[in-house]
Full PDB file with SEQRES, HELIX, SHEET, SSBOND, CRYST1, ORIGX, SCALE, CONECT and MASTER records, all heavy atoms in Angstrom:
SEQRES   1 A   41  SER GLY LYS THR TYR CYS LYS ARG LEU TYR GLY TRP ILE          
SEQRES   2 A   41  VAL GLY LYS GLY ALA ALA MET LYS LEU HIS THR GLY GLU          
SEQRES   3 A   41  GLN ALA VAL ILE SER LYS ILE ARG GLU LEU ARG SER LEU          
SEQRES   4 A   41  ASN ARG                                                      
HELIX    1 AA1 LYS A   16  ALA A   18  5                                   3    
HELIX    2 AA2 THR A   24  SER A   38  1                                  15    
SHEET    1 AA1 2 TRP A  12  VAL A  14  0                                        
SHEET    2 AA1 2 MET A  20  LEU A  22 -1                                        
CRYST1    1.000    1.000    1.000  90.00  90.00  90.00 P 1           1          
ORIGX1      1.000000  0.000000  0.000000        0.00000                         
ORIGX2      0.000000  1.000000  0.000000        0.00000                         
ORIGX3      0.000000  0.000000  1.000000        0.00000                         
SCALE1      1.000000  0.000000  0.000000        0.00000                         
SCALE2      0.000000  1.000000  0.000000        0.00000                         
SCALE3      0.000000  0.000000  1.000000        0.00000                         
ATOM      1  N   SER A   1      31.778 -15.565  18.171  1.00  0.00           N  
ATOM      2  CA  SER A   1      31.158 -14.461  18.977  1.00  0.00           C  
ATOM      3  C   SER A   1      29.636 -14.327  18.643  1.00  0.00           C  
ATOM      4  O   SER A   1      28.874 -13.471  19.162  1.00  0.00           O  
ATOM      5  CB  SER A   1      31.867 -13.168  18.770  1.00  0.00           C  
ATOM      6  OG  SER A   1      33.212 -13.248  19.147  1.00  0.00           O  
ATOM      7  N   GLY A   2      29.188 -15.024  17.615  1.00  0.00           N  
ATOM      8  CA  GLY A   2      27.768 -14.947  17.134  1.00  0.00           C  
ATOM      9  C   GLY A   2      27.486 -13.800  16.361  1.00  0.00           C  
ATOM     10  O   GLY A   2      26.343 -13.354  16.205  1.00  0.00           O  
ATOM     11  N   LYS A   3      28.532 -13.120  15.765  1.00  0.00           N  
ATOM     12  CA  LYS A   3      28.360 -12.017  14.899  1.00  0.00           C  
ATOM     13  C   LYS A   3      28.383 -12.415  13.445  1.00  0.00           C  
ATOM     14  O   LYS A   3      28.885 -13.500  13.053  1.00  0.00           O  
ATOM     15  CB  LYS A   3      29.476 -11.011  15.157  1.00  0.00           C  
ATOM     16  CG  LYS A   3      29.534 -10.553  16.589  1.00  0.00           C  
ATOM     17  CD  LYS A   3      30.729  -9.512  16.782  1.00  0.00           C  
ATOM     18  CE  LYS A   3      30.757  -9.035  18.190  1.00  0.00           C  
ATOM     19  NZ  LYS A   3      31.875  -8.082  18.360  1.00  0.00           N  
ATOM     20  N   THR A   4      27.762 -11.590  12.618  1.00  0.00           N  
ATOM     21  CA  THR A   4      27.750 -11.927  11.153  1.00  0.00           C  
ATOM     22  C   THR A   4      29.165 -11.771  10.601  1.00  0.00           C  
ATOM     23  O   THR A   4      29.836 -10.884  10.995  1.00  0.00           O  
ATOM     24  CB  THR A   4      26.742 -10.966  10.417  1.00  0.00           C  
ATOM     25  OG1 THR A   4      27.162  -9.600  10.635  1.00  0.00           O  
ATOM     26  CG2 THR A   4      25.366 -11.233  10.898  1.00  0.00           C  
ATOM     27  N   TYR A   5      29.436 -12.531   9.668  1.00  0.00           N  
ATOM     28  CA  TYR A   5      30.762 -12.422   8.957  1.00  0.00           C  
ATOM     29  C   TYR A   5      30.702 -12.504   7.462  1.00  0.00           C  
ATOM     30  O   TYR A   5      31.578 -12.917   6.792  1.00  0.00           O  
ATOM     31  CB  TYR A   5      31.701 -13.482   9.564  1.00  0.00           C  
ATOM     32  CG  TYR A   5      31.165 -14.915   9.416  1.00  0.00           C  
ATOM     33  CD1 TYR A   5      31.508 -15.715   8.355  1.00  0.00           C  
ATOM     34  CD2 TYR A   5      30.304 -15.447  10.366  1.00  0.00           C  
ATOM     35  CE1 TYR A   5      31.040 -17.061   8.217  1.00  0.00           C  
ATOM     36  CE2 TYR A   5      29.873 -16.735  10.282  1.00  0.00           C  
ATOM     37  CZ  TYR A   5      30.251 -17.561   9.250  1.00  0.00           C  
ATOM     38  OH  TYR A   5      29.715 -18.831   9.135  1.00  0.00           O  
ATOM     39  N   CYS A   6      29.535 -12.083   6.914  1.00  0.00           N  
ATOM     40  CA  CYS A   6      29.413 -11.977   5.455  1.00  0.00           C  
ATOM     41  C   CYS A   6      28.357 -10.881   5.193  1.00  0.00           C  
ATOM     42  O   CYS A   6      27.782 -10.353   6.071  1.00  0.00           O  
ATOM     43  CB  CYS A   6      28.878 -13.300   4.911  1.00  0.00           C  
ATOM     44  SG  CYS A   6      27.281 -13.831   5.546  1.00  0.00           S  
ATOM     45  N   LYS A   7      28.293 -10.552   3.879  1.00  0.00           N  
ATOM     46  CA  LYS A   7      27.329  -9.491   3.525  1.00  0.00           C  
ATOM     47  C   LYS A   7      25.903  -9.982   3.728  1.00  0.00           C  
ATOM     48  O   LYS A   7      25.638 -11.174   3.563  1.00  0.00           O  
ATOM     49  CB  LYS A   7      27.501  -9.181   2.050  1.00  0.00           C  
ATOM     50  CG  LYS A   7      28.887  -8.481   1.705  1.00  0.00           C  
ATOM     51  CD  LYS A   7      29.037  -8.221   0.330  1.00  0.00           C  
ATOM     52  CE  LYS A   7      30.438  -7.640  -0.028  1.00  0.00           C  
ATOM     53  NZ  LYS A   7      30.622  -7.399  -1.477  1.00  0.00           N  
ATOM     54  N   ARG A   8      25.006  -9.108   4.060  1.00  0.00           N  
ATOM     55  CA  ARG A   8      23.635  -9.458   4.289  1.00  0.00           C  
ATOM     56  C   ARG A   8      22.923  -9.807   2.930  1.00  0.00           C  
ATOM     57  O   ARG A   8      23.069  -9.208   1.930  1.00  0.00           O  
ATOM     58  CB  ARG A   8      22.848  -8.223   4.852  1.00  0.00           C  
ATOM     59  CG  ARG A   8      21.394  -8.562   5.182  1.00  0.00           C  
ATOM     60  CD  ARG A   8      20.645  -7.388   5.791  1.00  0.00           C  
ATOM     61  NE  ARG A   8      20.409  -6.290   4.910  1.00  0.00           N  
ATOM     62  CZ  ARG A   8      19.305  -6.314   4.062  1.00  0.00           C  
ATOM     63  NH1 ARG A   8      18.474  -7.306   4.172  1.00  0.00           N  
ATOM     64  NH2 ARG A   8      19.005  -5.281   3.314  1.00  0.00           N  
ATOM     65  N   LEU A   9      22.189 -10.972   3.040  1.00  0.00           N  
ATOM     66  CA  LEU A   9      21.471 -11.470   1.804  1.00  0.00           C  
ATOM     67  C   LEU A   9      20.277 -10.618   1.624  1.00  0.00           C  
ATOM     68  O   LEU A   9      19.520 -10.304   2.633  1.00  0.00           O  
ATOM     69  CB  LEU A   9      21.193 -12.905   1.974  1.00  0.00           C  
ATOM     70  CG  LEU A   9      22.330 -13.883   2.007  1.00  0.00           C  
ATOM     71  CD1 LEU A   9      21.836 -15.288   2.296  1.00  0.00           C  
ATOM     72  CD2 LEU A   9      23.186 -13.794   0.736  1.00  0.00           C  
ATOM     73  N   TYR A  10      19.965 -10.233   0.394  1.00  0.00           N  
ATOM     74  CA  TYR A  10      18.710  -9.478   0.140  1.00  0.00           C  
ATOM     75  C   TYR A  10      17.499 -10.305   0.523  1.00  0.00           C  
ATOM     76  O   TYR A  10      17.425 -11.533   0.148  1.00  0.00           O  
ATOM     77  CB  TYR A  10      18.665  -9.047  -1.352  1.00  0.00           C  
ATOM     78  CG  TYR A  10      17.546  -8.211  -1.677  1.00  0.00           C  
ATOM     79  CD1 TYR A  10      17.645  -6.788  -1.382  1.00  0.00           C  
ATOM     80  CD2 TYR A  10      16.427  -8.615  -2.289  1.00  0.00           C  
ATOM     81  CE1 TYR A  10      16.603  -5.941  -1.641  1.00  0.00           C  
ATOM     82  CE2 TYR A  10      15.259  -7.766  -2.588  1.00  0.00           C  
ATOM     83  CZ  TYR A  10      15.407  -6.450  -2.226  1.00  0.00           C  
ATOM     84  OH  TYR A  10      14.428  -5.599  -2.502  1.00  0.00           O  
ATOM     85  N   GLY A  11      16.641  -9.736   1.214  1.00  0.00           N  
ATOM     86  CA  GLY A  11      15.437 -10.483   1.661  1.00  0.00           C  
ATOM     87  C   GLY A  11      15.502 -10.962   3.111  1.00  0.00           C  
ATOM     88  O   GLY A  11      14.574 -11.583   3.662  1.00  0.00           O  
ATOM     89  N   TRP A  12      16.704 -10.800   3.746  1.00  0.00           N  
ATOM     90  CA  TRP A  12      16.904 -11.217   5.057  1.00  0.00           C  
ATOM     91  C   TRP A  12      17.565 -10.116   5.936  1.00  0.00           C  
ATOM     92  O   TRP A  12      18.261  -9.293   5.423  1.00  0.00           O  
ATOM     93  CB  TRP A  12      17.854 -12.456   5.095  1.00  0.00           C  
ATOM     94  CG  TRP A  12      17.277 -13.637   4.339  1.00  0.00           C  
ATOM     95  CD1 TRP A  12      17.259 -13.863   3.016  1.00  0.00           C  
ATOM     96  CD2 TRP A  12      16.519 -14.710   4.883  1.00  0.00           C  
ATOM     97  NE1 TRP A  12      16.625 -15.046   2.720  1.00  0.00           N  
ATOM     98  CE2 TRP A  12      16.190 -15.600   3.812  1.00  0.00           C  
ATOM     99  CE3 TRP A  12      16.089 -15.024   6.218  1.00  0.00           C  
ATOM    100  CZ2 TRP A  12      15.478 -16.802   4.105  1.00  0.00           C  
ATOM    101  CZ3 TRP A  12      15.436 -16.232   6.425  1.00  0.00           C  
ATOM    102  CH2 TRP A  12      15.128 -17.082   5.335  1.00  0.00           C  
ATOM    103  N   ILE A  13      17.285 -10.198   7.237  1.00  0.00           N  
ATOM    104  CA  ILE A  13      17.934  -9.295   8.184  1.00  0.00           C  
ATOM    105  C   ILE A  13      18.572 -10.087   9.325  1.00  0.00           C  
ATOM    106  O   ILE A  13      18.158 -11.277   9.508  1.00  0.00           O  
ATOM    107  CB  ILE A  13      16.955  -8.249   8.750  1.00  0.00           C  
ATOM    108  CG1 ILE A  13      15.720  -8.970   9.384  1.00  0.00           C  
ATOM    109  CG2 ILE A  13      16.481  -7.350   7.664  1.00  0.00           C  
ATOM    110  CD1 ILE A  13      14.842  -7.961  10.041  1.00  0.00           C  
ATOM    111  N   VAL A  14      19.475  -9.511  10.060  1.00  0.00           N  
ATOM    112  CA  VAL A  14      20.126 -10.197  11.130  1.00  0.00           C  
ATOM    113  C   VAL A  14      19.403  -9.876  12.472  1.00  0.00           C  
ATOM    114  O   VAL A  14      19.364  -8.630  12.796  1.00  0.00           O  
ATOM    115  CB  VAL A  14      21.628  -9.812  11.274  1.00  0.00           C  
ATOM    116  CG1 VAL A  14      22.305 -10.583  12.419  1.00  0.00           C  
ATOM    117  CG2 VAL A  14      22.303 -10.151   9.956  1.00  0.00           C  
ATOM    118  N   GLY A  15      18.841 -10.820  13.199  1.00  0.00           N  
ATOM    119  CA  GLY A  15      18.112 -10.521  14.379  1.00  0.00           C  
ATOM    120  C   GLY A  15      19.072 -10.750  15.629  1.00  0.00           C  
ATOM    121  O   GLY A  15      20.279 -10.777  15.503  1.00  0.00           O  
ATOM    122  N   LYS A  16      18.465 -10.979  16.793  1.00  0.00           N  
ATOM    123  CA  LYS A  16      19.212 -11.191  17.983  1.00  0.00           C  
ATOM    124  C   LYS A  16      19.977 -12.522  17.899  1.00  0.00           C  
ATOM    125  O   LYS A  16      19.464 -13.439  17.346  1.00  0.00           O  
ATOM    126  CB  LYS A  16      18.294 -11.216  19.220  1.00  0.00           C  
ATOM    127  CG  LYS A  16      17.634  -9.810  19.509  1.00  0.00           C  
ATOM    128  CD  LYS A  16      16.745  -9.924  20.742  1.00  0.00           C  
ATOM    129  CE  LYS A  16      16.118  -8.546  21.085  1.00  0.00           C  
ATOM    130  NZ  LYS A  16      15.283  -8.643  22.179  1.00  0.00           N  
ATOM    131  N   GLY A  17      21.199 -12.501  18.425  1.00  0.00           N  
ATOM    132  CA  GLY A  17      22.010 -13.741  18.430  1.00  0.00           C  
ATOM    133  C   GLY A  17      22.404 -14.077  17.043  1.00  0.00           C  
ATOM    134  O   GLY A  17      22.757 -15.243  16.768  1.00  0.00           O  
ATOM    135  N   ALA A  18      22.442 -13.101  16.154  1.00  0.00           N  
ATOM    136  CA  ALA A  18      22.943 -13.269  14.700  1.00  0.00           C  
ATOM    137  C   ALA A  18      22.032 -14.246  13.957  1.00  0.00           C  
ATOM    138  O   ALA A  18      22.427 -14.754  12.886  1.00  0.00           O  
ATOM    139  CB  ALA A  18      24.388 -13.815  14.758  1.00  0.00           C  
ATOM    140  N   ALA A  19      20.746 -14.436  14.482  1.00  0.00           N  
ATOM    141  CA  ALA A  19      19.828 -15.260  13.737  1.00  0.00           C  
ATOM    142  C   ALA A  19      19.277 -14.511  12.489  1.00  0.00           C  
ATOM    143  O   ALA A  19      18.976 -13.289  12.611  1.00  0.00           O  
ATOM    144  CB  ALA A  19      18.690 -15.674  14.676  1.00  0.00           C  
ATOM    145  N   MET A  20      19.146 -15.192  11.376  1.00  0.00           N  
ATOM    146  CA  MET A  20      18.577 -14.560  10.182  1.00  0.00           C  
ATOM    147  C   MET A  20      17.099 -14.573  10.178  1.00  0.00           C  
ATOM    148  O   MET A  20      16.431 -15.590  10.499  1.00  0.00           O  
ATOM    149  CB  MET A  20      19.157 -15.293   8.932  1.00  0.00           C  
ATOM    150  CG  MET A  20      20.629 -15.287   8.816  1.00  0.00           C  
ATOM    151  SD  MET A  20      21.382 -13.644   8.643  1.00  0.00           S  
ATOM    152  CE  MET A  20      20.786 -13.228   7.012  1.00  0.00           C  
ATOM    153  N   LYS A  21      16.516 -13.452   9.894  1.00  0.00           N  
ATOM    154  CA  LYS A  21      15.088 -13.356   9.849  1.00  0.00           C  
ATOM    155  C   LYS A  21      14.595 -12.772   8.493  1.00  0.00           C  
ATOM    156  O   LYS A  21      15.382 -12.033   7.848  1.00  0.00           O  
ATOM    157  CB  LYS A  21      14.529 -12.450  11.013  1.00  0.00           C  
ATOM    158  CG  LYS A  21      14.781 -12.967  12.400  1.00  0.00           C  
ATOM    159  CD  LYS A  21      14.179 -12.091  13.365  1.00  0.00           C  
ATOM    160  CE  LYS A  21      14.364 -12.650  14.783  1.00  0.00           C  
ATOM    161  NZ  LYS A  21      13.778 -11.755  15.837  1.00  0.00           N  
ATOM    162  N   LEU A  22      13.406 -13.090   8.043  1.00  0.00           N  
ATOM    163  CA  LEU A  22      12.892 -12.634   6.797  1.00  0.00           C  
ATOM    164  C   LEU A  22      12.706 -11.069   6.890  1.00  0.00           C  
ATOM    165  O   LEU A  22      12.138 -10.562   7.877  1.00  0.00           O  
ATOM    166  CB  LEU A  22      11.544 -13.310   6.453  1.00  0.00           C  
ATOM    167  CG  LEU A  22      11.650 -14.778   6.070  1.00  0.00           C  
ATOM    168  CD1 LEU A  22      10.191 -15.318   5.886  1.00  0.00           C  
ATOM    169  CD2 LEU A  22      12.414 -14.984   4.870  1.00  0.00           C  
ATOM    170  N   HIS A  23      13.014 -10.448   5.757  1.00  0.00           N  
ATOM    171  CA  HIS A  23      12.720  -9.016   5.686  1.00  0.00           C  
ATOM    172  C   HIS A  23      11.459  -8.859   4.850  1.00  0.00           C  
ATOM    173  O   HIS A  23      11.441  -9.108   3.617  1.00  0.00           O  
ATOM    174  CB  HIS A  23      13.930  -8.286   4.901  1.00  0.00           C  
ATOM    175  CG  HIS A  23      13.701  -6.733   4.917  1.00  0.00           C  
ATOM    176  ND1 HIS A  23      12.741  -6.187   4.171  1.00  0.00           N  
ATOM    177  CD2 HIS A  23      14.484  -5.765   5.471  1.00  0.00           C  
ATOM    178  CE1 HIS A  23      12.839  -4.835   4.312  1.00  0.00           C  
ATOM    179  NE2 HIS A  23      13.944  -4.566   5.093  1.00  0.00           N  
ATOM    180  N   THR A  24      10.266  -8.488   5.475  1.00  0.00           N  
ATOM    181  CA  THR A  24       9.030  -8.564   4.804  1.00  0.00           C  
ATOM    182  C   THR A  24       8.975  -7.831   3.552  1.00  0.00           C  
ATOM    183  O   THR A  24       8.472  -8.273   2.465  1.00  0.00           O  
ATOM    184  CB  THR A  24       7.921  -8.024   5.766  1.00  0.00           C  
ATOM    185  OG1 THR A  24       7.956  -8.714   7.036  1.00  0.00           O  
ATOM    186  CG2 THR A  24       6.545  -8.150   5.187  1.00  0.00           C  
ATOM    187  N   GLY A  25       9.455  -6.526   3.517  1.00  0.00           N  
ATOM    188  CA  GLY A  25       9.427  -5.682   2.336  1.00  0.00           C  
ATOM    189  C   GLY A  25      10.235  -6.285   1.243  1.00  0.00           C  
ATOM    190  O   GLY A  25       9.812  -6.331   0.022  1.00  0.00           O  
ATOM    191  N   GLU A  26      11.428  -6.709   1.498  1.00  0.00           N  
ATOM    192  CA  GLU A  26      12.326  -7.236   0.419  1.00  0.00           C  
ATOM    193  C   GLU A  26      11.816  -8.597  -0.098  1.00  0.00           C  
ATOM    194  O   GLU A  26      11.932  -8.926  -1.234  1.00  0.00           O  
ATOM    195  CB  GLU A  26      13.701  -7.396   0.964  1.00  0.00           C  
ATOM    196  CG  GLU A  26      14.361  -5.984   1.199  1.00  0.00           C  
ATOM    197  CD  GLU A  26      15.774  -6.050   1.722  1.00  0.00           C  
ATOM    198  OE1 GLU A  26      16.257  -7.245   2.026  1.00  0.00           O  
ATOM    199  OE2 GLU A  26      16.411  -5.049   1.916  1.00  0.00           O  
ATOM    200  N   GLN A  27      11.228  -9.406   0.799  1.00  0.00           N  
ATOM    201  CA  GLN A  27      10.545 -10.678   0.354  1.00  0.00           C  
ATOM    202  C   GLN A  27       9.512 -10.446  -0.612  1.00  0.00           C  
ATOM    203  O   GLN A  27       9.310 -11.224  -1.557  1.00  0.00           O  
ATOM    204  CB  GLN A  27      10.114 -11.477   1.542  1.00  0.00           C  
ATOM    205  CG  GLN A  27      11.153 -12.162   2.430  1.00  0.00           C  
ATOM    206  CD  GLN A  27      11.957 -13.166   1.721  1.00  0.00           C  
ATOM    207  OE1 GLN A  27      11.450 -13.854   0.799  1.00  0.00           O  
ATOM    208  NE2 GLN A  27      13.280 -13.329   1.968  1.00  0.00           N  
ATOM    209  N   ALA A  28       8.773  -9.356  -0.429  1.00  0.00           N  
ATOM    210  CA  ALA A  28       7.688  -8.985  -1.306  1.00  0.00           C  
ATOM    211  C   ALA A  28       8.223  -8.615  -2.707  1.00  0.00           C  
ATOM    212  O   ALA A  28       7.663  -9.012  -3.756  1.00  0.00           O  
ATOM    213  CB  ALA A  28       6.882  -7.810  -0.811  1.00  0.00           C  
ATOM    214  N   VAL A  29       9.376  -7.956  -2.715  1.00  0.00           N  
ATOM    215  CA  VAL A  29      10.034  -7.626  -3.957  1.00  0.00           C  
ATOM    216  C   VAL A  29      10.486  -8.874  -4.689  1.00  0.00           C  
ATOM    217  O   VAL A  29      10.340  -9.036  -5.880  1.00  0.00           O  
ATOM    218  CB  VAL A  29      11.217  -6.712  -3.682  1.00  0.00           C  
ATOM    219  CG1 VAL A  29      12.032  -6.442  -4.998  1.00  0.00           C  
ATOM    220  CG2 VAL A  29      10.786  -5.362  -3.162  1.00  0.00           C  
ATOM    221  N   ILE A  30      11.087  -9.818  -3.945  1.00  0.00           N  
ATOM    222  CA  ILE A  30      11.463 -11.088  -4.509  1.00  0.00           C  
ATOM    223  C   ILE A  30      10.347 -11.839  -5.168  1.00  0.00           C  
ATOM    224  O   ILE A  30      10.439 -12.412  -6.258  1.00  0.00           O  
ATOM    225  CB  ILE A  30      12.177 -11.953  -3.470  1.00  0.00           C  
ATOM    226  CG1 ILE A  30      13.474 -11.312  -2.930  1.00  0.00           C  
ATOM    227  CG2 ILE A  30      12.437 -13.326  -3.956  1.00  0.00           C  
ATOM    228  CD1 ILE A  30      14.171 -12.004  -1.825  1.00  0.00           C  
ATOM    229  N   SER A  31       9.169 -11.847  -4.388  1.00  0.00           N  
ATOM    230  CA  SER A  31       7.991 -12.465  -4.925  1.00  0.00           C  
ATOM    231  C   SER A  31       7.529 -11.898  -6.276  1.00  0.00           C  
ATOM    232  O   SER A  31       7.162 -12.530  -7.250  1.00  0.00           O  
ATOM    233  CB  SER A  31       6.894 -12.440  -3.943  1.00  0.00           C  
ATOM    234  OG  SER A  31       7.220 -13.146  -2.734  1.00  0.00           O  
ATOM    235  N   LYS A  32       7.582 -10.498  -6.271  1.00  0.00           N  
ATOM    236  CA  LYS A  32       7.256  -9.807  -7.518  1.00  0.00           C  
ATOM    237  C   LYS A  32       8.181 -10.134  -8.684  1.00  0.00           C  
ATOM    238  O   LYS A  32       7.725 -10.343  -9.841  1.00  0.00           O  
ATOM    239  CB  LYS A  32       7.252  -8.260  -7.229  1.00  0.00           C  
ATOM    240  CG  LYS A  32       6.694  -7.474  -8.409  1.00  0.00           C  
ATOM    241  CD  LYS A  32       5.225  -7.808  -8.668  1.00  0.00           C  
ATOM    242  CE  LYS A  32       4.630  -6.968  -9.796  1.00  0.00           C  
ATOM    243  NZ  LYS A  32       3.156  -7.261 -10.059  1.00  0.00           N  
ATOM    244  N   ILE A  33       9.441 -10.282  -8.362  1.00  0.00           N  
ATOM    245  CA  ILE A  33      10.465 -10.586  -9.425  1.00  0.00           C  
ATOM    246  C   ILE A  33      10.141 -11.975  -9.967  1.00  0.00           C  
ATOM    247  O   ILE A  33      10.146 -12.229 -11.189  1.00  0.00           O  
ATOM    248  CB  ILE A  33      11.836 -10.606  -8.849  1.00  0.00           C  
ATOM    249  CG1 ILE A  33      12.233  -9.070  -8.493  1.00  0.00           C  
ATOM    250  CG2 ILE A  33      12.881 -11.129  -9.806  1.00  0.00           C  
ATOM    251  CD1 ILE A  33      13.537  -8.952  -7.810  1.00  0.00           C  
ATOM    252  N   ARG A  34       9.824 -12.898  -9.040  1.00  0.00           N  
ATOM    253  CA  ARG A  34       9.479 -14.262  -9.508  1.00  0.00           C  
ATOM    254  C   ARG A  34       8.252 -14.278 -10.360  1.00  0.00           C  
ATOM    255  O   ARG A  34       8.100 -15.030 -11.360  1.00  0.00           O  
ATOM    256  CB  ARG A  34       9.293 -15.188  -8.241  1.00  0.00           C  
ATOM    257  CG  ARG A  34      10.635 -15.509  -7.607  1.00  0.00           C  
ATOM    258  CD  ARG A  34      10.374 -16.222  -6.283  1.00  0.00           C  
ATOM    259  NE  ARG A  34      11.612 -16.697  -5.596  1.00  0.00           N  
ATOM    260  CZ  ARG A  34      11.697 -17.085  -4.411  1.00  0.00           C  
ATOM    261  NH1 ARG A  34      10.575 -17.236  -3.633  1.00  0.00           N  
ATOM    262  NH2 ARG A  34      12.897 -17.404  -3.892  1.00  0.00           N  
ATOM    263  N   GLU A  35       7.265 -13.484  -9.962  1.00  0.00           N  
ATOM    264  CA  GLU A  35       5.986 -13.312 -10.714  1.00  0.00           C  
ATOM    265  C   GLU A  35       6.298 -12.866 -12.168  1.00  0.00           C  
ATOM    266  O   GLU A  35       5.728 -13.376 -13.195  1.00  0.00           O  
ATOM    267  CB  GLU A  35       5.030 -12.431 -10.028  1.00  0.00           C  
ATOM    268  CG  GLU A  35       3.758 -12.215 -10.828  1.00  0.00           C  
ATOM    269  CD  GLU A  35       2.836 -11.154 -10.148  1.00  0.00           C  
ATOM    270  OE1 GLU A  35       3.048 -10.874  -8.913  1.00  0.00           O  
ATOM    271  OE2 GLU A  35       1.957 -10.618 -10.829  1.00  0.00           O  
ATOM    272  N   LEU A  36       7.101 -11.808 -12.248  1.00  0.00           N  
ATOM    273  CA  LEU A  36       7.429 -11.261 -13.556  1.00  0.00           C  
ATOM    274  C   LEU A  36       8.204 -12.233 -14.384  1.00  0.00           C  
ATOM    275  O   LEU A  36       7.987 -12.298 -15.587  1.00  0.00           O  
ATOM    276  CB  LEU A  36       8.182  -9.976 -13.355  1.00  0.00           C  
ATOM    277  CG  LEU A  36       7.435  -8.754 -12.728  1.00  0.00           C  
ATOM    278  CD1 LEU A  36       8.320  -7.619 -12.444  1.00  0.00           C  
ATOM    279  CD2 LEU A  36       6.204  -8.319 -13.646  1.00  0.00           C  
ATOM    280  N   ARG A  37       9.068 -12.918 -13.784  1.00  0.00           N  
ATOM    281  CA  ARG A  37       9.821 -13.994 -14.504  1.00  0.00           C  
ATOM    282  C   ARG A  37       8.941 -15.093 -15.100  1.00  0.00           C  
ATOM    283  O   ARG A  37       9.127 -15.591 -16.200  1.00  0.00           O  
ATOM    284  CB  ARG A  37      10.885 -14.628 -13.651  1.00  0.00           C  
ATOM    285  CG  ARG A  37      12.060 -13.682 -13.382  1.00  0.00           C  
ATOM    286  CD  ARG A  37      12.856 -13.314 -14.682  1.00  0.00           C  
ATOM    287  NE  ARG A  37      13.617 -14.544 -15.122  1.00  0.00           N  
ATOM    288  CZ  ARG A  37      14.294 -14.545 -16.274  1.00  0.00           C  
ATOM    289  NH1 ARG A  37      14.162 -13.576 -17.201  1.00  0.00           N  
ATOM    290  NH2 ARG A  37      15.034 -15.592 -16.615  1.00  0.00           N  
ATOM    291  N   SER A  38       7.855 -15.393 -14.267  1.00  0.00           N  
ATOM    292  CA  SER A  38       6.947 -16.472 -14.745  1.00  0.00           C  
ATOM    293  C   SER A  38       6.146 -15.982 -15.857  1.00  0.00           C  
ATOM    294  O   SER A  38       5.591 -16.751 -16.665  1.00  0.00           O  
ATOM    295  CB  SER A  38       5.967 -16.838 -13.604  1.00  0.00           C  
ATOM    296  OG  SER A  38       5.102 -15.769 -13.222  1.00  0.00           O  
ATOM    297  N   LEU A  39       6.117 -14.670 -16.119  1.00  0.00           N  
ATOM    298  CA  LEU A  39       5.385 -14.048 -17.278  1.00  0.00           C  
ATOM    299  C   LEU A  39       6.308 -13.744 -18.355  1.00  0.00           C  
ATOM    300  O   LEU A  39       5.972 -13.057 -19.361  1.00  0.00           O  
ATOM    301  CB  LEU A  39       4.681 -12.768 -16.827  1.00  0.00           C  
ATOM    302  CG  LEU A  39       3.641 -12.836 -15.761  1.00  0.00           C  
ATOM    303  CD1 LEU A  39       3.169 -11.543 -15.324  1.00  0.00           C  
ATOM    304  CD2 LEU A  39       2.502 -13.721 -16.275  1.00  0.00           C  
ATOM    305  N   ASN A  40       7.507 -14.384 -18.324  1.00  0.00           N  
ATOM    306  CA  ASN A  40       8.596 -14.220 -19.340  1.00  0.00           C  
ATOM    307  C   ASN A  40       9.046 -12.894 -19.533  1.00  0.00           C  
ATOM    308  O   ASN A  40       9.446 -12.500 -20.710  1.00  0.00           O  
ATOM    309  CB  ASN A  40       7.968 -14.839 -20.663  1.00  0.00           C  
ATOM    310  CG  ASN A  40       7.688 -16.330 -20.658  1.00  0.00           C  
ATOM    311  OD1 ASN A  40       8.448 -17.105 -20.018  1.00  0.00           O  
ATOM    312  ND2 ASN A  40       6.627 -16.761 -21.315  1.00  0.00           N  
ATOM    313  N   ARG A  41       9.049 -12.131 -18.501  1.00  0.00           N  
ATOM    314  CA  ARG A  41       9.669 -10.759 -18.607  1.00  0.00           C  
ATOM    315  C   ARG A  41      11.205 -10.998 -18.578  1.00  0.00           C  
ATOM    316  O   ARG A  41      11.684 -11.777 -17.798  1.00  0.00           O  
ATOM    317  CB  ARG A  41       9.196  -9.888 -17.408  1.00  0.00           C  
ATOM    318  CG  ARG A  41       7.676  -9.568 -17.369  1.00  0.00           C  
ATOM    319  CD  ARG A  41       7.287  -8.682 -18.530  1.00  0.00           C  
ATOM    320  NE  ARG A  41       5.987  -8.194 -18.418  1.00  0.00           N  
ATOM    321  CZ  ARG A  41       4.842  -8.910 -18.687  1.00  0.00           C  
ATOM    322  NH1 ARG A  41       4.983 -10.092 -19.259  1.00  0.00           N  
ATOM    323  NH2 ARG A  41       3.649  -8.362 -18.499  1.00  0.00           N  
TER     324      ARG A  41                                                      
MASTER        0    0    0    2    2    0    0    6  323    1    0    4          
END                                                                             
């Protein structure tokens, strides 16, 4: 039916036709996490 059948992945949202799209705010958080990890946090 084109509907989602799993939990939403952090950093993504479900758009029209069940297509996955980037969640701008959460992607920024993911980038920050990667940055902190690169600094050995």
